[in-house]
Amino acid sequence: MQELVLYHYAMSPFGEKTRAMLGYAGLSWQSVTVREMPPRPVLDILAGGYRKIPVAQLGADVFCDTRAIAREIARLSNKPELILEQQPEE
């Protein structure tokens, strides 16, 4: 199985959230550290101009939103509790 590749930078709160989800899920993943501020030429091409961080890649699939990344992590790890829509409202 291919590993998820996470494009992130150290001080991103959403990047930290995603890294925590990956740790909780016990998934193997690869890290690509990017600049905090655009331009990010390689990532811009990969993400089609999406400018926020983090971005995840699994093979040819690119996930450009933390919720989309969380759904993919939940799917890969079989941990549905990571999906926000499945949490009870408080």
PDB file of N, CA and C in Angstrom:
ATOM      1  N   MET A   1       0.839  -1.184   0.000  1.00  0.00           N
ATOM      2  CA  MET A   1       0.000   0.000   0.000  1.00  0.00           C
ATOM      3  C   MET A   1       0.885   1.249   0.000  1.00  0.00           C
ATOM      4  N   GLN A   2       0.462   2.251  -0.726  1.00  0.00           N
ATOM      5  CA  GLN A   2       1.210   3.504  -0.775  1.00  0.00           C
ATOM      6  C   GLN A   2       1.039   4.269   0.529  1.00  0.00           C
ATOM      7  N   GLU A   3       2.073   5.030   0.883  1.00  0.00           N
ATOM      8  CA  GLU A   3       1.993   5.872   2.068  1.00  0.00           C
ATOM      9  C   GLU A   3       1.416   7.228   1.696  1.00  0.00           C
ATOM     10  N   LEU A   4       0.694   7.795   2.632  1.00  0.00           N
ATOM     11  CA  LEU A   4       0.189   9.146   2.482  1.00  0.00           C
ATOM     12  C   LEU A   4       1.376  10.096   2.568  1.00  0.00           C
ATOM     13  N   VAL A   5       1.402  11.099   1.721  1.00  0.00           N
ATOM     14  CA  VAL A   5       2.432  12.131   1.744  1.00  0.00           C
ATOM     15  C   VAL A   5       1.769  13.408   2.237  1.00  0.00           C
ATOM     16  N   LEU A   6       2.298  13.983   3.306  1.00  0.00           N
ATOM     17  CA  LEU A   6       1.726  15.185   3.894  1.00  0.00           C
ATOM     18  C   LEU A   6       2.642  16.369   3.622  1.00  0.00           C
ATOM     19  N   TYR A   7       2.107  17.391   2.976  1.00  0.00           N
ATOM     20  CA  TYR A   7       2.819  18.647   2.727  1.00  0.00           C
ATOM     21  C   TYR A   7       2.375  19.602   3.826  1.00  0.00           C
ATOM     22  N   HIS A   8       3.315  20.063   4.632  1.00  0.00           N
ATOM     23  CA  HIS A   8       2.976  20.860   5.809  1.00  0.00           C
ATOM     24  C   HIS A   8       4.181  21.682   6.247  1.00  0.00           C
ATOM     25  N   TYR A   9       3.972  22.522   7.246  1.00  0.00           N
ATOM     26  CA  TYR A   9       5.084  23.198   7.917  1.00  0.00           C
ATOM     27  C   TYR A   9       4.859  23.108   9.420  1.00  0.00           C
ATOM     28  N   ALA A  10       5.917  23.250  10.169  1.00  0.00           N
ATOM     29  CA  ALA A  10       5.914  22.927  11.602  1.00  0.00           C
ATOM     30  C   ALA A  10       4.884  23.710  12.417  1.00  0.00           C
ATOM     31  N   MET A  11       4.704  24.987  12.175  1.00  0.00           N
ATOM     32  CA  MET A  11       3.864  25.819  13.037  1.00  0.00           C
ATOM     33  C   MET A  11       2.401  25.896  12.583  1.00  0.00           C
ATOM     34  N   SER A  12       2.021  25.140  11.597  1.00  0.00           N
ATOM     35  CA  SER A  12       0.635  25.147  11.131  1.00  0.00           C
ATOM     36  C   SER A  12      -0.258  24.393  12.111  1.00  0.00           C
ATOM     37  N   PRO A  13      -1.284  25.052  12.690  1.00  0.00           N
ATOM     38  CA  PRO A  13      -2.170  24.327  13.605  1.00  0.00           C
ATOM     39  C   PRO A  13      -2.945  23.216  12.895  1.00  0.00           C
ATOM     40  N   PHE A  14      -3.296  23.427  11.632  1.00  0.00           N
ATOM     41  CA  PHE A  14      -4.018  22.396  10.893  1.00  0.00           C
ATOM     42  C   PHE A  14      -3.079  21.254  10.508  1.00  0.00           C
ATOM     43  N   GLY A  15      -1.818  21.581  10.254  1.00  0.00           N
ATOM     44  CA  GLY A  15      -0.817  20.554  10.013  1.00  0.00           C
ATOM     45  C   GLY A  15      -0.606  19.709  11.262  1.00  0.00           C
ATOM     46  N   GLU A  16      -0.569  20.350  12.425  1.00  0.00           N
ATOM     47  CA  GLU A  16      -0.411  19.630  13.691  1.00  0.00           C
ATOM     48  C   GLU A  16      -1.605  18.714  13.930  1.00  0.00           C
ATOM     49  N   LYS A  17      -2.801  19.212  13.651  1.00  0.00           N
ATOM     50  CA  LYS A  17      -4.013  18.394  13.798  1.00  0.00           C
ATOM     51  C   LYS A  17      -3.927  17.155  12.905  1.00  0.00           C
ATOM     52  N   THR A  18      -3.483  17.349  11.677  1.00  0.00           N
ATOM     53  CA  THR A  18      -3.373  16.234  10.735  1.00  0.00           C
ATOM     54  C   THR A  18      -2.304  15.248  11.183  1.00  0.00           C
ATOM     55  N   ARG A  19      -1.171  15.747  11.650  1.00  0.00           N
ATOM     56  CA  ARG A  19      -0.114  14.857  12.153  1.00  0.00           C
ATOM     57  C   ARG A  19      -0.612  14.054  13.358  1.00  0.00           C
ATOM     58  N   ALA A  20      -1.402  14.689  14.231  1.00  0.00           N
ATOM     59  CA  ALA A  20      -1.959  13.985  15.384  1.00  0.00           C
ATOM     60  C   ALA A  20      -2.931  12.884  14.931  1.00  0.00           C
ATOM     61  N   MET A  21      -3.750  13.179  13.925  1.00  0.00           N
ATOM     62  CA  MET A  21      -4.677  12.165  13.402  1.00  0.00           C
ATOM     63  C   MET A  21      -3.912  10.982  12.814  1.00  0.00           C
ATOM     64  N   LEU A  22      -2.843  11.268  12.092  1.00  0.00           N
ATOM     65  CA  LEU A  22      -2.030  10.189  11.511  1.00  0.00           C
ATOM     66  C   LEU A  22      -1.407   9.329  12.609  1.00  0.00           C
ATOM     67  N   GLY A  23      -0.945   9.964  13.678  1.00  0.00           N
ATOM     68  CA  GLY A  23      -0.386   9.212  14.797  1.00  0.00           C
ATOM     69  C   GLY A  23      -1.440   8.364  15.485  1.00  0.00           C
ATOM     70  N   TYR A  24      -2.611   8.942  15.709  1.00  0.00           N
ATOM     71  CA  TYR A  24      -3.704   8.207  16.340  1.00  0.00           C
ATOM     72  C   TYR A  24      -4.114   7.018  15.470  1.00  0.00           C
ATOM     73  N   ALA A  25      -4.151   7.225  14.161  1.00  0.00           N
ATOM     74  CA  ALA A  25      -4.569   6.180  13.235  1.00  0.00           C
ATOM     75  C   ALA A  25      -3.496   5.104  13.059  1.00  0.00           C
ATOM     76  N   GLY A  26      -2.268   5.419  13.419  1.00  0.00           N
ATOM     77  CA  GLY A  26      -1.181   4.448  13.285  1.00  0.00           C
ATOM     78  C   GLY A  26      -0.762   4.209  11.847  1.00  0.00           C
ATOM     79  N   LEU A  27      -0.977   5.204  10.998  1.00  0.00           N
ATOM     80  CA  LEU A  27      -0.620   5.064   9.587  1.00  0.00           C
ATOM     81  C   LEU A  27       0.824   5.480   9.339  1.00  0.00           C
ATOM     82  N   SER A  28       1.466   4.816   8.411  1.00  0.00           N
ATOM     83  CA  SER A  28       2.780   5.253   7.939  1.00  0.00           C
ATOM     84  C   SER A  28       2.547   6.401   6.964  1.00  0.00           C
ATOM     85  N   TRP A  29       3.398   7.410   7.041  1.00  0.00           N
ATOM     86  CA  TRP A  29       3.251   8.546   6.141  1.00  0.00           C
ATOM     87  C   TRP A  29       4.602   9.184   5.915  1.00  0.00           C
ATOM     88  N   GLN A  30       4.662   9.958   4.846  1.00  0.00           N
ATOM     89  CA  GLN A  30       5.881  10.685   4.513  1.00  0.00           C
ATOM     90  C   GLN A  30       5.627  12.176   4.688  1.00  0.00           C
ATOM     91  N   SER A  31       6.671  12.881   5.059  1.00  0.00           N
ATOM     92  CA  SER A  31       6.579  14.309   5.328  1.00  0.00           C
ATOM     93  C   SER A  31       7.326  15.105   4.265  1.00  0.00           C
ATOM     94  N   VAL A  32       6.665  16.146   3.776  1.00  0.00           N
ATOM     95  CA  VAL A  32       7.320  17.125   2.914  1.00  0.00           C
ATOM     96  C   VAL A  32       7.085  18.482   3.556  1.00  0.00           C
ATOM     97  N   THR A  33       8.151  19.089   4.046  1.00  0.00           N
ATOM     98  CA  THR A  33       8.050  20.403   4.675  1.00  0.00           C
ATOM     99  C   THR A  33       8.091  21.472   3.597  1.00  0.00           C
ATOM    100  N   VAL A  34       7.125  22.378   3.658  1.00  0.00           N
ATOM    101  CA  VAL A  34       7.030  23.451   2.671  1.00  0.00           C
ATOM    102  C   VAL A  34       7.159  24.799   3.369  1.00  0.00           C
ATOM    103  N   ARG A  35       7.324  25.836   2.571  1.00  0.00           N
ATOM    104  CA  ARG A  35       7.405  27.191   3.118  1.00  0.00           C
ATOM    105  C   ARG A  35       6.084  27.574   3.764  1.00  0.00           C
ATOM    106  N   GLU A  36       6.166  28.432   4.776  1.00  0.00           N
ATOM    107  CA  GLU A  36       4.947  28.880   5.451  1.00  0.00           C
ATOM    108  C   GLU A  36       4.078  29.744   4.544  1.00  0.00           C
ATOM    109  N   MET A  37       4.702  30.572   3.738  1.00  0.00           N
ATOM    110  CA  MET A  37       3.952  31.497   2.873  1.00  0.00           C
ATOM    111  C   MET A  37       4.216  31.169   1.411  1.00  0.00           C
ATOM    112  N   PRO A  38       3.185  31.327   0.580  1.00  0.00           N
ATOM    113  CA  PRO A  38       3.411  31.143  -0.861  1.00  0.00           C
ATOM    114  C   PRO A  38       4.422  32.165  -1.354  1.00  0.00           C
ATOM    115  N   PRO A  39       5.091  31.908  -2.428  1.00  0.00           N
ATOM    116  CA  PRO A  39       4.832  30.851  -3.396  1.00  0.00           C
ATOM    117  C   PRO A  39       5.462  29.529  -2.978  1.00  0.00           C
ATOM    118  N   ARG A  40       4.761  28.471  -3.336  1.00  0.00           N
ATOM    119  CA  ARG A  40       5.238  27.093  -3.150  1.00  0.00           C
ATOM    120  C   ARG A  40       5.102  26.417  -4.513  1.00  0.00           C
ATOM    121  N   PRO A  41       6.063  26.622  -5.407  1.00  0.00           N
ATOM    122  CA  PRO A  41       5.902  26.234  -6.813  1.00  0.00           C
ATOM    123  C   PRO A  41       5.496  24.781  -7.037  1.00  0.00           C
ATOM    124  N   VAL A  42       6.141  23.834  -6.386  1.00  0.00           N
ATOM    125  CA  VAL A  42       5.818  22.424  -6.609  1.00  0.00           C
ATOM    126  C   VAL A  42       4.430  22.105  -6.078  1.00  0.00           C
ATOM    127  N   LEU A  43       4.129  22.583  -4.884  1.00  0.00           N
ATOM    128  CA  LEU A  43       2.824  22.322  -4.282  1.00  0.00           C
ATOM    129  C   LEU A  43       1.709  23.027  -5.049  1.00  0.00           C
ATOM    130  N   ASP A  44       1.980  24.224  -5.562  1.00  0.00           N
ATOM    131  CA  ASP A  44       0.972  24.938  -6.351  1.00  0.00           C
ATOM    132  C   ASP A  44       0.547  24.129  -7.566  1.00  0.00           C
ATOM    133  N   ILE A  45       1.484  23.499  -8.214  1.00  0.00           N
ATOM    134  CA  ILE A  45       1.170  22.672  -9.388  1.00  0.00           C
ATOM    135  C   ILE A  45       0.390  21.431  -8.950  1.00  0.00           C
ATOM    136  N   LEU A  46       0.845  20.772  -7.901  1.00  0.00           N
ATOM    137  CA  LEU A  46       0.206  19.555  -7.421  1.00  0.00           C
ATOM    138  C   LEU A  46      -1.233  19.818  -6.974  1.00  0.00           C
ATOM    139  N   ALA A  47      -1.441  20.917  -6.238  1.00  0.00           N
ATOM    140  CA  ALA A  47      -2.748  21.209  -5.656  1.00  0.00           C
ATOM    141  C   ALA A  47      -3.608  22.103  -6.541  1.00  0.00           C
ATOM    142  N   GLY A  48      -3.180  22.372  -7.740  1.00  0.00           N
ATOM    143  CA  GLY A  48      -3.997  23.156  -8.664  1.00  0.00           C
ATOM    144  C   GLY A  48      -4.261  24.574  -8.208  1.00  0.00           C
ATOM    145  N   GLY A  49      -3.314  25.172  -7.493  1.00  0.00           N
ATOM    146  CA  GLY A  49      -3.463  26.548  -7.046  1.00  0.00           C
ATOM    147  C   GLY A  49      -4.024  26.688  -5.638  1.00  0.00           C
ATOM    148  N   TYR A  50      -4.424  25.595  -5.008  1.00  0.00           N
ATOM    149  CA  TYR A  50      -4.903  25.650  -3.626  1.00  0.00           C
ATOM    150  C   TYR A  50      -3.748  26.126  -2.760  1.00  0.00           C
ATOM    151  N   ARG A  51      -3.980  27.141  -1.916  1.00  0.00           N
ATOM    152  CA  ARG A  51      -2.877  27.797  -1.226  1.00  0.00           C
ATOM    153  C   ARG A  51      -2.768  27.468   0.264  1.00  0.00           C
ATOM    154  N   LYS A  52      -3.704  26.708   0.805  1.00  0.00           N
ATOM    155  CA  LYS A  52      -3.683  26.434   2.244  1.00  0.00           C
ATOM    156  C   LYS A  52      -2.887  25.177   2.555  1.00  0.00           C
ATOM    157  N   ILE A  53      -2.527  25.053   3.821  1.00  0.00           N
ATOM    158  CA  ILE A  53      -1.763  23.908   4.331  1.00  0.00           C
ATOM    159  C   ILE A  53      -2.589  23.276   5.434  1.00  0.00           C
ATOM    160  N   PRO A  54      -2.605  21.975   5.566  1.00  0.00           N
ATOM    161  CA  PRO A  54      -1.836  20.963   4.859  1.00  0.00           C
ATOM    162  C   PRO A  54      -2.523  20.490   3.584  1.00  0.00           C
ATOM    163  N   VAL A  55      -1.736  19.798   2.788  1.00  0.00           N
ATOM    164  CA  VAL A  55      -2.210  19.093   1.599  1.00  0.00           C
ATOM    165  C   VAL A  55      -1.666  17.679   1.716  1.00  0.00           C
ATOM    166  N   ALA A  56      -2.489  16.703   1.376  1.00  0.00           N
ATOM    167  CA  ALA A  56      -2.048  15.307   1.428  1.00  0.00           C
ATOM    168  C   ALA A  56      -2.170  14.692   0.038  1.00  0.00           C
ATOM    169  N   GLN A  57      -1.318  13.735  -0.216  1.00  0.00           N
ATOM    170  CA  GLN A  57      -1.316  13.031  -1.498  1.00  0.00           C
ATOM    171  C   GLN A  57      -1.217  11.539  -1.239  1.00  0.00           C
ATOM    172  N   LEU A  58      -2.031  10.789  -1.960  1.00  0.00           N
ATOM    173  CA  LEU A  58      -1.974   9.332  -1.919  1.00  0.00           C
ATOM    174  C   LEU A  58      -2.023   8.859  -3.366  1.00  0.00           C
ATOM    175  N   GLY A  59      -0.862   8.518  -3.893  1.00  0.00           N
ATOM    176  CA  GLY A  59      -0.784   8.178  -5.315  1.00  0.00           C
ATOM    177  C   GLY A  59      -1.137   9.387  -6.158  1.00  0.00           C
ATOM    178  N   ALA A  60      -2.120   9.233  -7.039  1.00  0.00           N
ATOM    179  CA  ALA A  60      -2.542  10.340  -7.896  1.00  0.00           C
ATOM    180  C   ALA A  60      -3.626  11.191  -7.251  1.00  0.00           C
ATOM    181  N   ASP A  61      -4.109  10.814  -6.069  1.00  0.00           N
ATOM    182  CA  ASP A  61      -5.163  11.558  -5.384  1.00  0.00           C
ATOM    183  C   ASP A  61      -4.551  12.615  -4.473  1.00  0.00           C
ATOM    184  N   VAL A  62      -5.092  13.828  -4.555  1.00  0.00           N
ATOM    185  CA  VAL A  62      -4.612  14.945  -3.745  1.00  0.00           C
ATOM    186  C   VAL A  62      -5.781  15.450  -2.907  1.00  0.00           C
ATOM    187  N   PHE A  63      -5.546  15.622  -1.609  1.00  0.00           N
ATOM    188  CA  PHE A  63      -6.570  16.069  -0.667  1.00  0.00           C
ATOM    189  C   PHE A  63      -6.169  17.443  -0.143  1.00  0.00           C
ATOM    190  N   CYS A  64      -6.997  18.446  -0.426  1.00  0.00           N
ATOM    191  CA  CYS A  64      -6.615  19.844  -0.185  1.00  0.00           C
ATOM    192  C   CYS A  64      -7.358  20.507   0.963  1.00  0.00           C
ATOM    193  N   ASP A  65      -7.961  19.767   1.817  1.00  0.00           N
ATOM    194  CA  ASP A  65      -8.696  20.353   2.923  1.00  0.00           C
ATOM    195  C   ASP A  65      -8.547  19.427   4.126  1.00  0.00           C
ATOM    196  N   THR A  66      -8.457  19.988   5.319  1.00  0.00           N
ATOM    197  CA  THR A  66      -8.247  19.171   6.507  1.00  0.00           C
ATOM    198  C   THR A  66      -9.372  18.154   6.686  1.00  0.00           C
ATOM    199  N   ARG A  67     -10.606  18.541   6.383  1.00  0.00           N
ATOM    200  CA  ARG A  67     -11.718  17.590   6.504  1.00  0.00           C
ATOM    201  C   ARG A  67     -11.578  16.445   5.508  1.00  0.00           C
ATOM    202  N   ALA A  68     -11.194  16.769   4.293  1.00  0.00           N
ATOM    203  CA  ALA A  68     -10.995  15.726   3.278  1.00  0.00           C
ATOM    204  C   ALA A  68      -9.846  14.808   3.680  1.00  0.00           C
ATOM    205  N   ILE A  69      -8.801  15.393   4.237  1.00  0.00           N
ATOM    206  CA  ILE A  69      -7.664  14.586   4.699  1.00  0.00           C
ATOM    207  C   ILE A  69      -8.109  13.685   5.848  1.00  0.00           C
ATOM    208  N   ALA A  70      -8.907  14.226   6.779  1.00  0.00           N
ATOM    209  CA  ALA A  70      -9.397  13.427   7.911  1.00  0.00           C
ATOM    210  C   ALA A  70     -10.252  12.263   7.432  1.00  0.00           C
ATOM    211  N   ARG A  71     -11.126  12.510   6.449  1.00  0.00           N
ATOM    212  CA  ARG A  71     -11.947  11.423   5.909  1.00  0.00           C
ATOM    213  C   ARG A  71     -11.079  10.335   5.284  1.00  0.00           C
ATOM    214  N   GLU A  72     -10.029  10.729   4.582  1.00  0.00           N
ATOM    215  CA  GLU A  72      -9.145   9.746   3.952  1.00  0.00           C
ATOM    216  C   GLU A  72      -8.359   8.967   5.006  1.00  0.00           C
ATOM    217  N   ILE A  73      -7.878   9.642   6.042  1.00  0.00           N
ATOM    218  CA  ILE A  73      -7.174   8.954   7.127  1.00  0.00           C
ATOM    219  C   ILE A  73      -8.125   7.959   7.798  1.00  0.00           C
ATOM    220  N   ALA A  74      -9.376   8.381   8.048  1.00  0.00           N
ATOM    221  CA  ALA A  74     -10.371   7.493   8.656  1.00  0.00           C
ATOM    222  C   ALA A  74     -10.629   6.282   7.772  1.00  0.00           C
ATOM    223  N   ARG A  75     -10.731   6.500   6.475  1.00  0.00           N
ATOM    224  CA  ARG A  75     -10.974   5.403   5.543  1.00  0.00           C
ATOM    225  C   ARG A  75      -9.810   4.421   5.538  1.00  0.00           C
ATOM    226  N   LEU A  76      -8.595   4.955   5.457  1.00  0.00           N
ATOM    227  CA  LEU A  76      -7.411   4.096   5.399  1.00  0.00           C
ATOM    228  C   LEU A  76      -7.197   3.299   6.686  1.00  0.00           C
ATOM    229  N   SER A  77      -7.540   3.893   7.816  1.00  0.00           N
ATOM    230  CA  SER A  77      -7.265   3.267   9.113  1.00  0.00           C
ATOM    231  C   SER A  77      -8.476   2.566   9.710  1.00  0.00           C
ATOM    232  N   ASN A  78      -9.639   2.727   9.066  1.00  0.00           N
ATOM    233  CA  ASN A  78     -10.889   2.166   9.583  1.00  0.00           C
ATOM    234  C   ASN A  78     -11.203   2.742  10.965  1.00  0.00           C
ATOM    235  N   LYS A  79     -11.026   4.068  11.114  1.00  0.00           N
ATOM    236  CA  LYS A  79     -11.324   4.766  12.360  1.00  0.00           C
ATOM    237  C   LYS A  79     -12.335   5.882  12.054  1.00  0.00           C
ATOM    238  N   PRO A  80     -13.630   5.533  11.965  1.00  0.00           N
ATOM    239  CA  PRO A  80     -14.635   6.519  11.583  1.00  0.00           C
ATOM    240  C   PRO A  80     -14.789   7.674  12.572  1.00  0.00           C
ATOM    241  N   GLU A  81     -14.279   7.507  13.793  1.00  0.00           N
ATOM    242  CA  GLU A  81     -14.398   8.585  14.776  1.00  0.00           C
ATOM    243  C   GLU A  81     -13.601   9.831  14.382  1.00  0.00           C
ATOM    244  N   LEU A  82     -12.754   9.715  13.389  1.00  0.00           N
ATOM    245  CA  LEU A  82     -11.985  10.877  12.919  1.00  0.00           C
ATOM    246  C   LEU A  82     -12.798  11.779  11.998  1.00  0.00           C
ATOM    247  N   ILE A  83     -13.967  11.332  11.565  1.00  0.00           N
ATOM    248  CA  ILE A  83     -14.779  12.117  10.641  1.00  0.00           C
ATOM    249  C   ILE A  83     -15.697  13.033  11.443  1.00  0.00           C
ATOM    250  N   LEU A  84     -15.553  14.346  11.251  1.00  0.00           N
ATOM    251  CA  LEU A  84     -16.302  15.332  12.007  1.00  0.00           C
ATOM    252  C   LEU A  84     -17.808  15.120  11.905  1.00  0.00           C
ATOM    253  N   GLU A  85     -18.287  14.781  10.733  1.00  0.00           N
ATOM    254  CA  GLU A  85     -19.725  14.614  10.509  1.00  0.00           C
ATOM    255  C   GLU A  85     -20.308  13.458  11.330  1.00  0.00           C
ATOM    256  N   GLN A  86     -19.478  12.555  11.822  1.00  0.00           N
ATOM    257  CA  GLN A  86     -19.966  11.423  12.591  1.00  0.00           C
ATOM    258  C   GLN A  86     -19.890  11.673  14.101  1.00  0.00           C
ATOM    259  N   GLN A  87     -19.541  12.884  14.488  1.00  0.00           N
ATOM    260  CA  GLN A  87     -19.459  13.213  15.909  1.00  0.00           C
ATOM    261  C   GLN A  87     -20.792  13.770  16.389  1.00  0.00           C
ATOM    262  N   PRO A  88     -21.176  13.478  17.637  1.00  0.00           N
ATOM    263  CA  PRO A  88     -22.434  14.026  18.159  1.00  0.00           C
ATOM    264  C   PRO A  88     -22.316  15.535  18.353  1.00  0.00           C
ATOM    265  N   GLU A  89     -23.432  16.227  18.120  1.00  0.00           N
ATOM    266  CA  GLU A  89     -23.434  17.675  18.352  1.00  0.00           C
ATOM    267  C   GLU A  89     -23.538  17.931  19.839  1.00  0.00           C
ATOM    268  N   GLU A  90     -22.827  18.967  20.298  1.00  0.00           N
ATOM    269  CA  GLU A  90     -22.860  19.287  21.717  1.00  0.00           C
ATOM    270  C   GLU A  90     -23.484  20.626  21.931  1.00  0.00           C
TER     271      GLU A  90
END
